[in-house]
Amino acid sequence: MTISIAARDPESGQVGVAVASAFPAVGAVCPWVSAEGAVVTQSWDAGADYGEALLALLDRGISLPTAAEAFVAGRAGSVGLQLHGIDADGGTYAHTGEKCVEHADHYVGEEYTVGGDLLASPEVIDAVAAAFERATGRFTDRLLTALEASESAGGDKRGDNLSAAVLVYGDPHKLYHNLRVDAPGQPIADLREAYESALETERGMDDEEMQKFWGDAVPETIREYPIRY
């Protein structure tokens, strides 16, 4: 099972993905984000062949619906693919191939998409969508809240997940924008713990605290550090 949400925050312009799976290292395979959009590639046919190429097309000004349709139409493996996401302009796309394992489906909401396969029931996708719409606070927090709802609704039909990840493109970059847990058991709960730890670390790096350490103006490279996508 893989369950994921891709979304855009219209207020901040941030885009991101939260995903969990009974597949190891889901964060290395499924989520793809840039300033131009957030895309998830999952199920049988997934990974960089889709993700990197789609982000490159978005960077050239091509909308996600146009780019994704071309990939799905031109690749035999797309019958075993789930592909969904949103671009920086709010354009959404969702595809569930006929060979994705039941229960497999997707949902397109306002400024977000949800997709999943090998789910315990259709209610898992409904729960993720509802939780995201109700959630408040930081955009990353809202994505995690939506992911947590998948567990409460039954999650994977086979049992526990093996990995979970959240990946957000935002300016300025924050430690909690790129987090992964690759361990059996409760990776969604562990991802929440990692998020809270990252928040605490960020709080300890505010201007006042950093100036106490440096004793002078804090170098820009220390204050605003890029993270890897």
C-alpha atoms as a PDB file:
ATOM      1  CA  MET A   1       0.000   0.000   0.000  1.00  0.00           C
ATOM      2  CA  THR A   2       0.997   3.539  -0.665  1.00  0.00           C
ATOM      3  CA  ILE A   3      -1.146   6.466   0.455  1.00  0.00           C
ATOM      4  CA  SER A   4      -0.208  10.014  -0.429  1.00  0.00           C
ATOM      5  CA  ILE A   5      -1.409  13.580  -0.622  1.00  0.00           C
ATOM      6  CA  ALA A   6      -0.018  16.326  -2.860  1.00  0.00           C
ATOM      7  CA  ALA A   7      -1.136  19.870  -2.187  1.00  0.00           C
ATOM      8  CA  ARG A   8      -0.594  23.579  -2.675  1.00  0.00           C
ATOM      9  CA  ASP A   9      -1.013  26.274  -0.038  1.00  0.00           C
ATOM     10  CA  PRO A  10      -2.520  29.251  -1.894  1.00  0.00           C
ATOM     11  CA  GLU A  11      -1.507  31.703   0.851  1.00  0.00           C
ATOM     12  CA  SER A  12       2.209  30.866   1.026  1.00  0.00           C
ATOM     13  CA  GLY A  13       2.636  29.339  -2.429  1.00  0.00           C
ATOM     14  CA  GLN A  14       4.213  26.255  -0.871  1.00  0.00           C
ATOM     15  CA  VAL A  15       3.681  22.879  -2.540  1.00  0.00           C
ATOM     16  CA  GLY A  16       4.333  19.496  -1.017  1.00  0.00           C
ATOM     17  CA  VAL A  17       3.736  15.781  -0.615  1.00  0.00           C
ATOM     18  CA  ALA A  18       3.181  13.505   2.366  1.00  0.00           C
ATOM     19  CA  VAL A  19       3.347   9.768   1.703  1.00  0.00           C
ATOM     20  CA  ALA A  20       3.479   6.439   3.552  1.00  0.00           C
ATOM     21  CA  SER A  21       3.886   2.907   2.279  1.00  0.00           C
ATOM     22  CA  ALA A  22       4.365  -0.757   3.106  1.00  0.00           C
ATOM     23  CA  PHE A  23       7.251  -0.399   0.632  1.00  0.00           C
ATOM     24  CA  PRO A  24      10.710   0.538   1.956  1.00  0.00           C
ATOM     25  CA  ALA A  25      12.214   3.991   1.357  1.00  0.00           C
ATOM     26  CA  VAL A  26       9.081   5.517  -0.145  1.00  0.00           C
ATOM     27  CA  GLY A  27      10.614   8.981   0.205  1.00  0.00           C
ATOM     28  CA  ALA A  28      13.330   8.018  -2.284  1.00  0.00           C
ATOM     29  CA  VAL A  29      10.873   6.889  -4.954  1.00  0.00           C
ATOM     30  CA  CYS A  30       7.480   8.592  -4.834  1.00  0.00           C
ATOM     31  CA  PRO A  31       7.477  12.323  -3.885  1.00  0.00           C
ATOM     32  CA  TRP A  32       8.766  14.978  -6.299  1.00  0.00           C
ATOM     33  CA  VAL A  33       8.571  18.701  -5.594  1.00  0.00           C
ATOM     34  CA  SER A  34       9.978  21.960  -6.902  1.00  0.00           C
ATOM     35  CA  ALA A  35       8.954  25.598  -6.998  1.00  0.00           C
ATOM     36  CA  GLU A  36       6.688  24.634  -9.911  1.00  0.00           C
ATOM     37  CA  GLY A  37       4.672  21.808  -8.374  1.00  0.00           C
ATOM     38  CA  ALA A  38       4.291  18.642  -6.318  1.00  0.00           C
ATOM     39  CA  VAL A  39       3.901  15.210  -7.902  1.00  0.00           C
ATOM     40  CA  VAL A  40       3.575  11.655  -6.578  1.00  0.00           C
ATOM     41  CA  THR A  41       4.498   8.567  -8.614  1.00  0.00           C
ATOM     42  CA  GLN A  42       3.521   5.266  -6.983  1.00  0.00           C
ATOM     43  CA  SER A  43       2.256   1.684  -7.401  1.00  0.00           C
ATOM     44  CA  TRP A  44       4.046  -0.615  -9.894  1.00  0.00           C
ATOM     45  CA  ASP A  45       5.547   1.932 -12.283  1.00  0.00           C
ATOM     46  CA  ALA A  46       7.064   4.832 -10.361  1.00  0.00           C
ATOM     47  CA  GLY A  47      10.192   6.794  -9.619  1.00  0.00           C
ATOM     48  CA  ALA A  48      12.589   9.242 -11.226  1.00  0.00           C
ATOM     49  CA  ASP A  49      11.697   8.360 -14.825  1.00  0.00           C
ATOM     50  CA  TYR A  50       8.409  10.107 -14.181  1.00  0.00           C
ATOM     51  CA  GLY A  51       9.211  12.501 -11.347  1.00  0.00           C
ATOM     52  CA  GLU A  52      12.346  14.196 -12.623  1.00  0.00           C
ATOM     53  CA  ALA A  53      11.000  14.490 -16.147  1.00  0.00           C
ATOM     54  CA  LEU A  54       7.690  15.946 -14.996  1.00  0.00           C
ATOM     55  CA  LEU A  55       9.415  18.557 -12.824  1.00  0.00           C
ATOM     56  CA  ALA A  56      11.605  19.522 -15.776  1.00  0.00           C
ATOM     57  CA  LEU A  57       8.517  20.079 -17.927  1.00  0.00           C
ATOM     58  CA  LEU A  58       6.845  22.123 -15.197  1.00  0.00           C
ATOM     59  CA  ASP A  59       9.986  24.248 -15.002  1.00  0.00           C
ATOM     60  CA  ARG A  60       9.570  24.986 -18.724  1.00  0.00           C
ATOM     61  CA  GLY A  61       6.090  26.355 -18.112  1.00  0.00           C
ATOM     62  CA  ILE A  62       4.093  23.292 -19.159  1.00  0.00           C
ATOM     63  CA  SER A  63       1.089  22.606 -16.934  1.00  0.00           C
ATOM     64  CA  LEU A  64       0.955  19.395 -14.908  1.00  0.00           C
ATOM     65  CA  PRO A  65      -2.226  18.116 -16.622  1.00  0.00           C
ATOM     66  CA  THR A  66      -0.621  18.536 -20.063  1.00  0.00           C
ATOM     67  CA  ALA A  67       2.720  17.004 -19.057  1.00  0.00           C
ATOM     68  CA  ALA A  68       1.211  14.092 -17.128  1.00  0.00           C
ATOM     69  CA  GLU A  69      -1.253  13.167 -19.863  1.00  0.00           C
ATOM     70  CA  ALA A  70       1.632  12.875 -22.325  1.00  0.00           C
ATOM     71  CA  PHE A  71       3.584  10.573 -20.012  1.00  0.00           C
ATOM     72  CA  VAL A  72       0.613   8.343 -19.215  1.00  0.00           C
ATOM     73  CA  ALA A  73      -0.362   8.028 -22.870  1.00  0.00           C
ATOM     74  CA  GLY A  74       3.154   7.201 -24.013  1.00  0.00           C
ATOM     75  CA  ARG A  75       4.297   4.621 -21.457  1.00  0.00           C
ATOM     76  CA  ALA A  76       3.145   1.003 -21.321  1.00  0.00           C
ATOM     77  CA  GLY A  77       3.764   0.785 -17.578  1.00  0.00           C
ATOM     78  CA  SER A  78       1.179   3.469 -16.881  1.00  0.00           C
ATOM     79  CA  VAL A  79      -1.465   0.733 -16.512  1.00  0.00           C
ATOM     80  CA  GLY A  80       0.328  -0.039 -13.247  1.00  0.00           C
ATOM     81  CA  LEU A  81       0.907   3.555 -12.239  1.00  0.00           C
ATOM     82  CA  GLN A  82      -0.677   5.980  -9.829  1.00  0.00           C
ATOM     83  CA  LEU A  83       0.299   9.532 -10.653  1.00  0.00           C
ATOM     84  CA  HIS A  84      -1.206  12.590  -9.050  1.00  0.00           C
ATOM     85  CA  GLY A  85      -0.285  16.119  -8.038  1.00  0.00           C
ATOM     86  CA  ILE A  86      -0.683  19.855  -8.418  1.00  0.00           C
ATOM     87  CA  ASP A  87       1.323  22.565 -10.158  1.00  0.00           C
ATOM     88  CA  ALA A  88       2.176  26.033  -8.890  1.00  0.00           C
ATOM     89  CA  ASP A  89      -0.782  27.517 -10.763  1.00  0.00           C
ATOM     90  CA  GLY A  90      -3.225  25.131  -9.086  1.00  0.00           C
ATOM     91  CA  GLY A  91      -3.597  22.738 -12.024  1.00  0.00           C
ATOM     92  CA  THR A  92      -4.316  19.209 -10.767  1.00  0.00           C
ATOM     93  CA  TYR A  93      -3.962  15.746 -12.270  1.00  0.00           C
ATOM     94  CA  ALA A  94      -4.731  12.230 -11.007  1.00  0.00           C
ATOM     95  CA  HIS A  95      -4.413   8.826 -12.676  1.00  0.00           C
ATOM     96  CA  THR A  96      -4.916   5.301 -11.317  1.00  0.00           C
ATOM     97  CA  GLY A  97      -3.935   2.566 -13.775  1.00  0.00           C
ATOM     98  CA  GLU A  98      -6.138  -0.478 -14.212  1.00  0.00           C
ATOM     99  CA  LYS A  99      -3.465  -2.821 -12.813  1.00  0.00           C
ATOM    100  CA  CYS A 100      -3.095  -0.950  -9.507  1.00  0.00           C
ATOM    101  CA  VAL A 101      -4.111  -3.325  -6.711  1.00  0.00           C
ATOM    102  CA  GLU A 102      -7.457  -2.849  -4.953  1.00  0.00           C
ATOM    103  CA  HIS A 103      -8.494  -0.915  -3.192  1.00  0.00           C
ATOM    104  CA  ALA A 104      -6.890   1.661  -5.470  1.00  0.00           C
ATOM    105  CA  ASP A 105      -8.299   5.069  -6.290  1.00  0.00           C
ATOM    106  CA  HIS A 106      -7.665   8.803  -6.219  1.00  0.00           C
ATOM    107  CA  TYR A 107      -9.480  11.988  -5.290  1.00  0.00           C
ATOM    108  CA  VAL A 108      -9.076  15.570  -6.484  1.00  0.00           C
ATOM    109  CA  GLY A 109     -10.020  18.337  -4.068  1.00  0.00           C
ATOM    110  CA  GLU A 110      -9.510  22.072  -3.986  1.00  0.00           C
ATOM    111  CA  GLU A 111      -5.738  22.667  -4.107  1.00  0.00           C
ATOM    112  CA  TYR A 112      -4.889  19.005  -3.378  1.00  0.00           C
ATOM    113  CA  THR A 113      -4.988  15.433  -4.678  1.00  0.00           C
ATOM    114  CA  VAL A 114      -4.969  12.089  -2.837  1.00  0.00           C
ATOM    115  CA  GLY A 115      -4.036   8.669  -4.187  1.00  0.00           C
ATOM    116  CA  GLY A 116      -3.653   5.191  -2.749  1.00  0.00           C
ATOM    117  CA  ASP A 117      -3.516   1.477  -3.557  1.00  0.00           C
ATOM    118  CA  LEU A 118      -3.659  -1.727  -1.535  1.00  0.00           C
ATOM    119  CA  LEU A 119      -5.827   0.180   0.922  1.00  0.00           C
ATOM    120  CA  ALA A 120      -8.005  -1.462   3.551  1.00  0.00           C
ATOM    121  CA  SER A 121     -11.075   0.302   2.113  1.00  0.00           C
ATOM    122  CA  PRO A 122     -12.231   3.328   0.081  1.00  0.00           C
ATOM    123  CA  GLU A 123     -12.663   5.174   3.371  1.00  0.00           C
ATOM    124  CA  VAL A 124      -8.879   5.615   3.678  1.00  0.00           C
ATOM    125  CA  ILE A 125      -8.770   8.127   0.825  1.00  0.00           C
ATOM    126  CA  ASP A 126     -11.895   9.862   2.131  1.00  0.00           C
ATOM    127  CA  ALA A 127     -10.324  10.185   5.583  1.00  0.00           C
ATOM    128  CA  VAL A 128      -7.122  11.725   4.223  1.00  0.00           C
ATOM    129  CA  ALA A 129      -9.057  14.272   2.169  1.00  0.00           C
ATOM    130  CA  ALA A 130     -11.362  15.209   5.046  1.00  0.00           C
ATOM    131  CA  ALA A 131      -8.489  15.568   7.504  1.00  0.00           C
ATOM    132  CA  PHE A 132      -6.559  17.858   5.176  1.00  0.00           C
ATOM    133  CA  GLU A 133      -9.573  20.088   4.639  1.00  0.00           C
ATOM    134  CA  ARG A 134     -10.139  20.376   8.400  1.00  0.00           C
ATOM    135  CA  ALA A 135      -6.491  20.851   9.358  1.00  0.00           C
ATOM    136  CA  THR A 136      -5.048  24.202  10.388  1.00  0.00           C
ATOM    137  CA  GLY A 137      -1.582  25.542  11.075  1.00  0.00           C
ATOM    138  CA  ARG A 138       1.633  25.188   9.087  1.00  0.00           C
ATOM    139  CA  PHE A 139       1.287  23.657   5.646  1.00  0.00           C
ATOM    140  CA  THR A 140       3.667  20.804   6.551  1.00  0.00           C
ATOM    141  CA  ASP A 141       1.664  20.125   9.693  1.00  0.00           C
ATOM    142  CA  ARG A 142      -1.541  19.898   7.649  1.00  0.00           C
ATOM    143  CA  LEU A 143       0.041  17.359   5.301  1.00  0.00           C
ATOM    144  CA  LEU A 144       1.114  15.223   8.248  1.00  0.00           C
ATOM    145  CA  THR A 145      -2.343  15.445   9.802  1.00  0.00           C
ATOM    146  CA  ALA A 146      -3.851  14.150   6.561  1.00  0.00           C
ATOM    147  CA  LEU A 147      -1.349  11.277   6.439  1.00  0.00           C
ATOM    148  CA  GLU A 148      -2.094  10.330  10.042  1.00  0.00           C
ATOM    149  CA  ALA A 149      -5.785  10.033   9.168  1.00  0.00           C
ATOM    150  CA  SER A 150      -4.978   7.164   6.787  1.00  0.00           C
ATOM    151  CA  GLU A 151      -3.905   5.020   9.740  1.00  0.00           C
ATOM    152  CA  SER A 152      -7.066   5.745  11.708  1.00  0.00           C
ATOM    153  CA  ALA A 153      -9.151   4.695   8.699  1.00  0.00           C
ATOM    154  CA  GLY A 154      -7.461   1.299   8.323  1.00  0.00           C
ATOM    155  CA  GLY A 155      -4.389   2.094   6.251  1.00  0.00           C
ATOM    156  CA  ASP A 156      -2.691  -0.751   4.403  1.00  0.00           C
ATOM    157  CA  LYS A 157      -4.713  -3.942   3.895  1.00  0.00           C
ATOM    158  CA  ARG A 158      -1.513  -5.929   4.602  1.00  0.00           C
ATOM    159  CA  GLY A 159      -0.649  -4.307   7.928  1.00  0.00           C
ATOM    160  CA  ASP A 160       2.051  -1.929   9.107  1.00  0.00           C
ATOM    161  CA  ASN A 161       3.856   0.566   6.917  1.00  0.00           C
ATOM    162  CA  LEU A 162       7.605   0.424   6.351  1.00  0.00           C
ATOM    163  CA  SER A 163       8.331   4.054   5.483  1.00  0.00           C
ATOM    164  CA  ALA A 164       6.914   7.567   5.373  1.00  0.00           C
ATOM    165  CA  ALA A 165       8.060  10.965   4.143  1.00  0.00           C
ATOM    166  CA  VAL A 166       7.091  14.600   3.817  1.00  0.00           C
ATOM    167  CA  LEU A 167       8.623  16.867   1.178  1.00  0.00           C
ATOM    168  CA  VAL A 168       7.676  20.538   0.859  1.00  0.00           C
ATOM    169  CA  TYR A 169       9.032  23.286  -1.369  1.00  0.00           C
ATOM    170  CA  GLY A 170       8.837  26.600   0.437  1.00  0.00           C
ATOM    171  CA  ASP A 171      10.783  29.822   0.783  1.00  0.00           C
ATOM    172  CA  PRO A 172      12.535  30.147   3.154  1.00  0.00           C
ATOM    173  CA  HIS A 173      13.606  26.522   3.379  1.00  0.00           C
ATOM    174  CA  LYS A 174      13.076  24.803   6.716  1.00  0.00           C
ATOM    175  CA  LEU A 175      14.419  21.585   8.218  1.00  0.00           C
ATOM    176  CA  TYR A 176      10.885  20.202   8.474  1.00  0.00           C
ATOM    177  CA  HIS A 177      10.382  20.561   4.710  1.00  0.00           C
ATOM    178  CA  ASN A 178      12.316  17.353   3.954  1.00  0.00           C
ATOM    179  CA  LEU A 179      11.850  14.477   6.390  1.00  0.00           C
ATOM    180  CA  ARG A 180      11.945  10.703   5.949  1.00  0.00           C
ATOM    181  CA  VAL A 181      11.473   7.661   8.157  1.00  0.00           C
ATOM    182  CA  ASP A 182      12.629   4.331   6.745  1.00  0.00           C
ATOM    183  CA  ALA A 183      11.860   1.836   9.480  1.00  0.00           C
ATOM    184  CA  PRO A 184       9.184  -0.837  10.017  1.00  0.00           C
ATOM    185  CA  GLY A 185       6.516  -0.328  12.641  1.00  0.00           C
ATOM    186  CA  GLN A 186       4.940   3.103  12.964  1.00  0.00           C
ATOM    187  CA  PRO A 187       6.745   5.356  10.461  1.00  0.00           C
ATOM    188  CA  ILE A 188       3.881   7.865  10.298  1.00  0.00           C
ATOM    189  CA  ALA A 189       4.034   8.408  14.055  1.00  0.00           C
ATOM    190  CA  ASP A 190       7.831   8.555  13.832  1.00  0.00           C
ATOM    191  CA  LEU A 191       7.554  11.133  11.045  1.00  0.00           C
ATOM    192  CA  ARG A 192       5.426  13.324  13.310  1.00  0.00           C
ATOM    193  CA  GLU A 193       8.095  13.024  16.016  1.00  0.00           C
ATOM    194  CA  ALA A 194      10.805  13.968  13.513  1.00  0.00           C
ATOM    195  CA  TYR A 195       8.736  16.993  12.487  1.00  0.00           C
ATOM    196  CA  GLU A 196       8.379  18.170  16.087  1.00  0.00           C
ATOM    197  CA  SER A 197      12.135  17.731  16.613  1.00  0.00           C
ATOM    198  CA  ALA A 198      12.859  19.776  13.488  1.00  0.00           C
ATOM    199  CA  LEU A 199      10.553  22.536  14.737  1.00  0.00           C
ATOM    200  CA  GLU A 200      12.411  22.632  18.043  1.00  0.00           C
ATOM    201  CA  THR A 201      15.748  22.854  16.235  1.00  0.00           C
ATOM    202  CA  GLU A 202      14.446  25.704  14.078  1.00  0.00           C
ATOM    203  CA  ARG A 203      13.297  27.580  17.177  1.00  0.00           C
ATOM    204  CA  GLY A 204      16.814  27.326  18.589  1.00  0.00           C
ATOM    205  CA  MET A 205      18.216  28.959  15.461  1.00  0.00           C
ATOM    206  CA  ASP A 206      16.225  32.196  15.586  1.00  0.00           C
ATOM    207  CA  ASP A 207      18.042  35.499  15.125  1.00  0.00           C
ATOM    208  CA  GLU A 208      18.314  36.406  18.801  1.00  0.00           C
ATOM    209  CA  GLU A 209      19.790  33.061  19.832  1.00  0.00           C
ATOM    210  CA  MET A 210      22.161  32.951  16.897  1.00  0.00           C
ATOM    211  CA  GLN A 211      23.423  36.491  17.546  1.00  0.00           C
ATOM    212  CA  LYS A 212      24.246  35.493  21.116  1.00  0.00           C
ATOM    213  CA  PHE A 213      26.420  32.710  19.729  1.00  0.00           C
ATOM    214  CA  TRP A 214      28.130  34.704  16.964  1.00  0.00           C
ATOM    215  CA  GLY A 215      28.440  37.929  18.966  1.00  0.00           C
ATOM    216  CA  ASP A 216      27.825  39.880  15.769  1.00  0.00           C
ATOM    217  CA  ALA A 217      25.613  39.859  12.675  1.00  0.00           C
ATOM    218  CA  VAL A 218      24.810  36.285  11.689  1.00  0.00           C
ATOM    219  CA  PRO A 219      26.225  35.349   8.251  1.00  0.00           C
ATOM    220  CA  GLU A 220      23.506  34.999   5.643  1.00  0.00           C
ATOM    221  CA  THR A 221      24.633  31.476   4.776  1.00  0.00           C
ATOM    222  CA  ILE A 222      23.970  30.487   8.386  1.00  0.00           C
ATOM    223  CA  ARG A 223      20.579  32.167   8.651  1.00  0.00           C
ATOM    224  CA  GLU A 224      19.157  31.024   5.319  1.00  0.00           C
ATOM    225  CA  TYR A 225      20.441  27.611   4.363  1.00  0.00           C
ATOM    226  CA  PRO A 226      19.132  25.642   1.374  1.00  0.00           C
ATOM    227  CA  ILE A 227      17.916  22.072   1.724  1.00  0.00           C
ATOM    228  CA  ARG A 228      18.254  19.382  -0.895  1.00  0.00           C
ATOM    229  CA  TYR A 229      15.339  18.284  -3.088  1.00  0.00           C
END
